[in-house]
N, C-alpha and C. Protein backbone atom coordinates (compact mmCIF):
# COMPACT_ATOMS: atom_id res chain seq x y z
N MET A 1 104.85 107.13 89.44
CA MET A 1 104.34 108.46 89.65
C MET A 1 102.86 108.47 89.29
N ASN A 2 102.08 109.29 89.97
CA ASN A 2 100.66 109.41 89.66
C ASN A 2 100.24 110.87 89.76
N GLY A 3 99.05 111.14 89.27
CA GLY A 3 98.49 112.47 89.35
C GLY A 3 97.16 112.52 88.63
N THR A 4 96.68 113.71 88.38
CA THR A 4 95.44 113.88 87.62
C THR A 4 95.63 114.98 86.58
N ILE A 5 94.95 114.81 85.47
CA ILE A 5 94.89 115.83 84.41
C ILE A 5 93.43 116.00 84.09
N ASN A 6 92.94 117.23 84.23
CA ASN A 6 91.52 117.52 83.99
C ASN A 6 90.61 116.57 84.78
N GLY A 7 91.02 116.27 86.02
CA GLY A 7 90.21 115.41 86.89
C GLY A 7 90.32 113.92 86.61
N ARG A 8 91.15 113.54 85.64
CA ARG A 8 91.33 112.12 85.31
C ARG A 8 92.67 111.63 85.87
N PRO A 9 92.63 110.54 86.62
CA PRO A 9 93.88 110.04 87.21
C PRO A 9 94.78 109.38 86.17
N TYR A 10 96.07 109.43 86.43
CA TYR A 10 97.04 108.72 85.59
C TYR A 10 98.12 108.11 86.48
N ILE A 11 98.76 107.07 85.97
CA ILE A 11 99.92 106.45 86.61
C ILE A 11 100.97 106.28 85.52
N ILE A 12 102.20 106.69 85.83
CA ILE A 12 103.31 106.55 84.89
C ILE A 12 104.19 105.41 85.35
N LEU A 13 104.55 104.53 84.41
CA LEU A 13 105.40 103.37 84.70
C LEU A 13 106.66 103.42 83.85
N ASN A 14 107.70 102.79 84.35
CA ASN A 14 108.95 102.64 83.61
C ASN A 14 108.86 101.33 82.83
N LYS A 15 108.96 101.37 81.53
CA LYS A 15 108.80 100.17 80.71
C LYS A 15 109.92 99.15 80.93
N ASN A 16 110.99 99.55 81.58
CA ASN A 16 112.10 98.63 81.83
C ASN A 16 111.95 97.82 83.12
N MET A 17 110.88 98.06 83.87
CA MET A 17 110.66 97.33 85.12
C MET A 17 110.17 95.91 84.82
N THR A 18 110.42 95.01 85.78
CA THR A 18 109.91 93.64 85.66
C THR A 18 108.40 93.65 85.81
N ALA A 19 107.76 92.56 85.40
CA ALA A 19 106.30 92.45 85.54
C ALA A 19 105.89 92.57 87.00
N GLU A 20 106.68 91.97 87.90
CA GLU A 20 106.36 92.04 89.33
C GLU A 20 106.46 93.48 89.85
N ARG A 21 107.47 94.19 89.40
CA ARG A 21 107.65 95.57 89.83
C ARG A 21 106.55 96.46 89.27
N ILE A 22 106.14 96.22 88.03
CA ILE A 22 105.05 97.00 87.43
C ILE A 22 103.76 96.79 88.21
N ARG A 23 103.45 95.53 88.51
CA ARG A 23 102.23 95.22 89.26
C ARG A 23 102.26 95.88 90.63
N THR A 24 103.39 95.79 91.31
CA THR A 24 103.52 96.40 92.63
C THR A 24 103.37 97.92 92.54
N THR A 25 103.98 98.52 91.54
CA THR A 25 103.91 99.97 91.37
C THR A 25 102.48 100.43 91.06
N ILE A 26 101.77 99.69 90.23
CA ILE A 26 100.39 100.06 89.92
C ILE A 26 99.54 100.07 91.19
N VAL A 27 99.65 99.02 91.99
CA VAL A 27 98.86 98.96 93.23
C VAL A 27 99.30 100.06 94.19
N HIS A 28 100.59 100.32 94.27
CA HIS A 28 101.11 101.38 95.14
C HIS A 28 100.54 102.75 94.74
N GLU A 29 100.60 103.04 93.47
CA GLU A 29 100.11 104.34 92.99
C GLU A 29 98.59 104.44 93.11
N LEU A 30 97.87 103.33 92.92
CA LEU A 30 96.41 103.35 93.13
C LEU A 30 96.08 103.66 94.59
N ALA A 31 96.87 103.11 95.50
CA ALA A 31 96.66 103.41 96.92
C ALA A 31 96.83 104.90 97.17
N HIS A 32 97.84 105.52 96.55
CA HIS A 32 98.01 106.97 96.70
C HIS A 32 96.80 107.72 96.16
N LEU A 33 96.25 107.26 95.04
CA LEU A 33 95.11 107.95 94.44
C LEU A 33 93.82 107.79 95.26
N PHE A 34 93.64 106.62 95.87
CA PHE A 34 92.38 106.34 96.57
C PHE A 34 92.35 106.84 98.01
N TYR A 35 93.49 106.85 98.69
CA TYR A 35 93.51 107.27 100.08
C TYR A 35 93.78 108.75 100.19
N GLN A 36 93.06 109.40 101.07
CA GLN A 36 93.27 110.81 101.34
C GLN A 36 94.03 110.94 102.65
N TRP A 37 95.31 111.25 102.55
CA TRP A 37 96.14 111.36 103.73
C TRP A 37 95.98 112.74 104.34
N PRO A 38 96.16 112.85 105.65
CA PRO A 38 96.07 114.18 106.29
C PRO A 38 97.08 115.15 105.67
N GLU A 39 96.69 116.40 105.58
CA GLU A 39 97.55 117.43 104.99
C GLU A 39 98.89 117.56 105.71
N ASP A 40 98.88 117.35 107.03
CA ASP A 40 100.10 117.54 107.81
C ASP A 40 100.99 116.29 107.87
N MET A 41 100.60 115.20 107.18
CA MET A 41 101.42 113.98 107.18
C MET A 41 102.59 114.17 106.23
N ASP A 42 103.81 113.90 106.73
CA ASP A 42 104.96 114.07 105.85
C ASP A 42 105.04 112.93 104.83
N ASP A 43 105.80 113.17 103.76
CA ASP A 43 105.88 112.23 102.65
C ASP A 43 106.40 110.86 103.07
N LYS A 44 107.39 110.84 103.96
CA LYS A 44 107.98 109.57 104.39
C LYS A 44 106.94 108.71 105.12
N GLU A 45 106.16 109.32 105.97
CA GLU A 45 105.13 108.58 106.70
C GLU A 45 104.02 108.11 105.76
N CYS A 46 103.65 108.95 104.81
CA CYS A 46 102.65 108.58 103.80
C CYS A 46 103.12 107.36 103.01
N GLU A 47 104.39 107.37 102.59
CA GLU A 47 104.95 106.23 101.84
C GLU A 47 104.96 104.97 102.69
N LYS A 48 105.27 105.11 103.97
CA LYS A 48 105.29 103.96 104.87
C LYS A 48 103.91 103.31 104.95
N TYR A 49 102.88 104.12 105.16
CA TYR A 49 101.52 103.59 105.26
C TYR A 49 101.04 103.01 103.92
N THR A 50 101.38 103.68 102.84
CA THR A 50 101.00 103.17 101.52
C THR A 50 101.63 101.81 101.26
N THR A 51 102.89 101.66 101.60
CA THR A 51 103.58 100.39 101.41
C THR A 51 102.95 99.30 102.27
N GLN A 52 102.55 99.63 103.49
CA GLN A 52 101.89 98.65 104.35
C GLN A 52 100.56 98.20 103.75
N ILE A 53 99.81 99.12 103.23
CA ILE A 53 98.51 98.79 102.61
C ILE A 53 98.73 97.90 101.39
N VAL A 54 99.66 98.28 100.53
CA VAL A 54 99.94 97.53 99.31
C VAL A 54 100.44 96.13 99.65
N GLY A 55 101.35 96.04 100.60
CA GLY A 55 101.87 94.75 101.00
C GLY A 55 100.80 93.82 101.51
N ALA A 56 99.95 94.32 102.38
CA ALA A 56 98.86 93.51 102.93
C ALA A 56 97.88 93.10 101.84
N PHE A 57 97.66 93.96 100.88
CA PHE A 57 96.76 93.66 99.77
C PHE A 57 97.33 92.57 98.87
N MET A 58 98.63 92.65 98.61
CA MET A 58 99.24 91.75 97.63
C MET A 58 99.65 90.39 98.19
N ILE A 59 100.05 90.33 99.46
CA ILE A 59 100.41 89.04 100.06
C ILE A 59 100.19 89.14 101.57
N SER A 60 99.33 88.30 102.08
CA SER A 60 98.97 88.35 103.49
C SER A 60 100.09 87.81 104.38
N LYS A 61 100.02 88.15 105.65
CA LYS A 61 101.01 87.67 106.62
C LYS A 61 101.00 86.15 106.69
N SER A 62 99.82 85.54 106.64
CA SER A 62 99.76 84.07 106.73
C SER A 62 100.44 83.41 105.53
N TYR A 63 100.29 83.98 104.32
CA TYR A 63 101.01 83.45 103.16
C TYR A 63 102.51 83.67 103.29
N MET A 64 102.89 84.82 103.82
CA MET A 64 104.31 85.09 104.03
C MET A 64 104.93 84.01 104.90
N ILE A 65 104.29 83.72 106.01
CA ILE A 65 104.82 82.71 106.93
C ILE A 65 104.79 81.33 106.29
N ARG A 66 103.74 81.03 105.57
CA ARG A 66 103.65 79.73 104.90
C ARG A 66 104.75 79.55 103.86
N LYS A 67 105.05 80.57 103.12
CA LYS A 67 106.04 80.47 102.04
C LYS A 67 107.48 80.69 102.50
N LEU A 68 107.68 81.54 103.53
CA LEU A 68 109.04 81.89 103.94
C LEU A 68 109.46 81.29 105.28
N GLY A 69 108.49 80.80 106.05
CA GLY A 69 108.80 80.31 107.38
C GLY A 69 108.64 81.42 108.41
N ILE A 70 108.80 81.06 109.68
CA ILE A 70 108.55 82.05 110.73
C ILE A 70 109.75 82.95 111.01
N GLN A 71 110.95 82.52 110.56
CA GLN A 71 112.13 83.35 110.78
C GLN A 71 113.21 83.02 109.76
N ARG A 72 113.87 84.06 109.29
CA ARG A 72 114.99 83.92 108.35
C ARG A 72 116.14 84.77 108.81
N LYS A 73 117.33 84.36 108.41
CA LYS A 73 118.53 85.10 108.79
C LYS A 73 119.08 85.92 107.63
N ALA A 74 118.44 85.84 106.46
CA ALA A 74 118.92 86.58 105.30
C ALA A 74 117.83 86.63 104.23
N VAL A 75 117.98 87.56 103.29
CA VAL A 75 117.15 87.59 102.09
C VAL A 75 117.82 86.63 101.12
N THR A 76 117.10 85.59 100.72
CA THR A 76 117.69 84.53 99.90
C THR A 76 117.03 84.46 98.53
N ARG A 77 117.72 83.76 97.62
CA ARG A 77 117.26 83.68 96.23
C ARG A 77 115.89 83.02 96.09
N ASP A 78 115.53 82.11 96.99
CA ASP A 78 114.23 81.46 96.88
C ASP A 78 113.08 82.44 97.06
N MET A 79 113.36 83.58 97.65
CA MET A 79 112.33 84.60 97.82
C MET A 79 111.91 85.16 96.46
N CYS A 80 112.79 85.12 95.49
CA CYS A 80 112.45 85.57 94.13
C CYS A 80 111.34 84.69 93.53
N LEU A 81 111.35 83.41 93.87
CA LEU A 81 110.29 82.50 93.38
C LEU A 81 108.94 82.90 93.95
N VAL A 82 108.91 83.29 95.21
CA VAL A 82 107.68 83.75 95.84
C VAL A 82 107.20 85.03 95.15
N CYS A 83 108.14 85.92 94.87
CA CYS A 83 107.79 87.17 94.17
C CYS A 83 107.16 86.87 92.81
N HIS A 84 107.77 85.97 92.07
CA HIS A 84 107.26 85.63 90.75
C HIS A 84 105.87 84.99 90.85
N LYS A 85 105.71 84.08 91.80
CA LYS A 85 104.42 83.38 91.96
C LYS A 85 103.30 84.35 92.31
N TYR A 86 103.57 85.30 93.20
CA TYR A 86 102.54 86.23 93.65
C TYR A 86 102.55 87.56 92.89
N GLY A 87 103.49 87.71 91.97
CA GLY A 87 103.53 88.91 91.13
C GLY A 87 103.86 90.17 91.89
N ILE A 88 104.80 90.07 92.85
CA ILE A 88 105.18 91.25 93.62
C ILE A 88 106.68 91.48 93.52
N ALA A 89 107.07 92.72 93.74
CA ALA A 89 108.49 93.08 93.68
C ALA A 89 109.22 92.55 94.91
N LEU A 90 110.47 92.19 94.74
CA LEU A 90 111.28 91.69 95.84
C LEU A 90 111.39 92.73 96.95
N SER A 91 111.51 93.98 96.59
CA SER A 91 111.61 95.03 97.62
C SER A 91 110.37 95.04 98.51
N LEU A 92 109.19 94.83 97.92
CA LEU A 92 107.97 94.79 98.73
C LEU A 92 107.95 93.53 99.60
N LEU A 93 108.40 92.41 99.06
CA LEU A 93 108.44 91.18 99.84
C LEU A 93 109.35 91.34 101.06
N VAL A 94 110.47 92.01 100.88
CA VAL A 94 111.40 92.25 101.99
C VAL A 94 110.73 93.12 103.05
N VAL A 95 110.05 94.18 102.62
CA VAL A 95 109.35 95.05 103.58
C VAL A 95 108.26 94.26 104.31
N ARG A 96 107.50 93.44 103.58
CA ARG A 96 106.46 92.61 104.22
C ARG A 96 107.07 91.60 105.18
N ALA A 97 108.24 91.06 104.85
CA ALA A 97 108.91 90.11 105.73
C ALA A 97 109.31 90.78 107.05
N VAL A 98 109.72 92.04 106.98
CA VAL A 98 110.03 92.79 108.20
C VAL A 98 108.74 93.02 108.98
N GLN A 99 107.69 93.47 108.30
CA GLN A 99 106.41 93.73 108.98
C GLN A 99 105.84 92.47 109.62
N SER A 100 106.10 91.33 109.01
CA SER A 100 105.60 90.05 109.52
C SER A 100 106.57 89.41 110.52
N ARG A 101 107.67 90.10 110.80
CA ARG A 101 108.70 89.66 111.74
C ARG A 101 109.38 88.35 111.32
N ILE A 102 109.47 88.15 110.01
CA ILE A 102 110.18 86.99 109.47
C ILE A 102 111.66 87.30 109.37
N ILE A 103 111.98 88.55 109.04
CA ILE A 103 113.36 89.02 109.07
C ILE A 103 113.40 90.29 109.92
N THR A 104 114.61 90.66 110.33
CA THR A 104 114.78 91.87 111.14
C THR A 104 115.01 93.09 110.27
N ASP A 105 114.90 94.26 110.88
CA ASP A 105 115.21 95.50 110.18
C ASP A 105 116.65 95.51 109.66
N SER A 106 117.56 94.99 110.46
CA SER A 106 118.97 95.01 110.04
C SER A 106 119.21 94.13 108.82
N ILE A 107 118.50 93.01 108.71
CA ILE A 107 118.61 92.15 107.52
C ILE A 107 118.08 92.90 106.30
N ALA A 108 116.95 93.58 106.47
CA ALA A 108 116.37 94.35 105.35
C ALA A 108 117.31 95.48 104.95
N LYS A 109 117.87 96.18 105.90
CA LYS A 109 118.79 97.28 105.58
C LYS A 109 120.00 96.76 104.81
N LYS A 110 120.50 95.62 105.22
CA LYS A 110 121.64 95.02 104.51
C LYS A 110 121.24 94.71 103.06
N PHE A 111 120.02 94.20 102.86
CA PHE A 111 119.53 93.92 101.51
C PHE A 111 119.44 95.19 100.68
N PHE A 112 118.85 96.24 101.23
CA PHE A 112 118.63 97.46 100.48
C PHE A 112 119.90 98.26 100.22
N TYR A 113 120.91 98.11 101.06
CA TYR A 113 122.12 98.91 100.91
C TYR A 113 123.31 98.15 100.37
N THR A 114 123.09 96.92 99.84
CA THR A 114 124.19 96.20 99.21
C THR A 114 123.93 95.97 97.75
């Protein structure tokens, strides 16, 4: 969560999150603070664009392909090693893998809903 108090920005973190999740959350919330989204943009679309910006900032498409290959049929445990190495949350890596066309939307949905 983020916001401002007396014109000063703040970001709130959950102390129980992993280091990778904390790092990802900080960058995500900074993106919300720095970008001025149109007033008529709904929250879901704003989150989608913010996640795309954060993902591209934290791990490029070329690194994704280099580390994960050009195509996968599942989210696998070795992806956790990539997350740890680059300091990003697995959920963000999965979203970036979809954006980079390494995995399909259906594979990502299966990951998020199981």
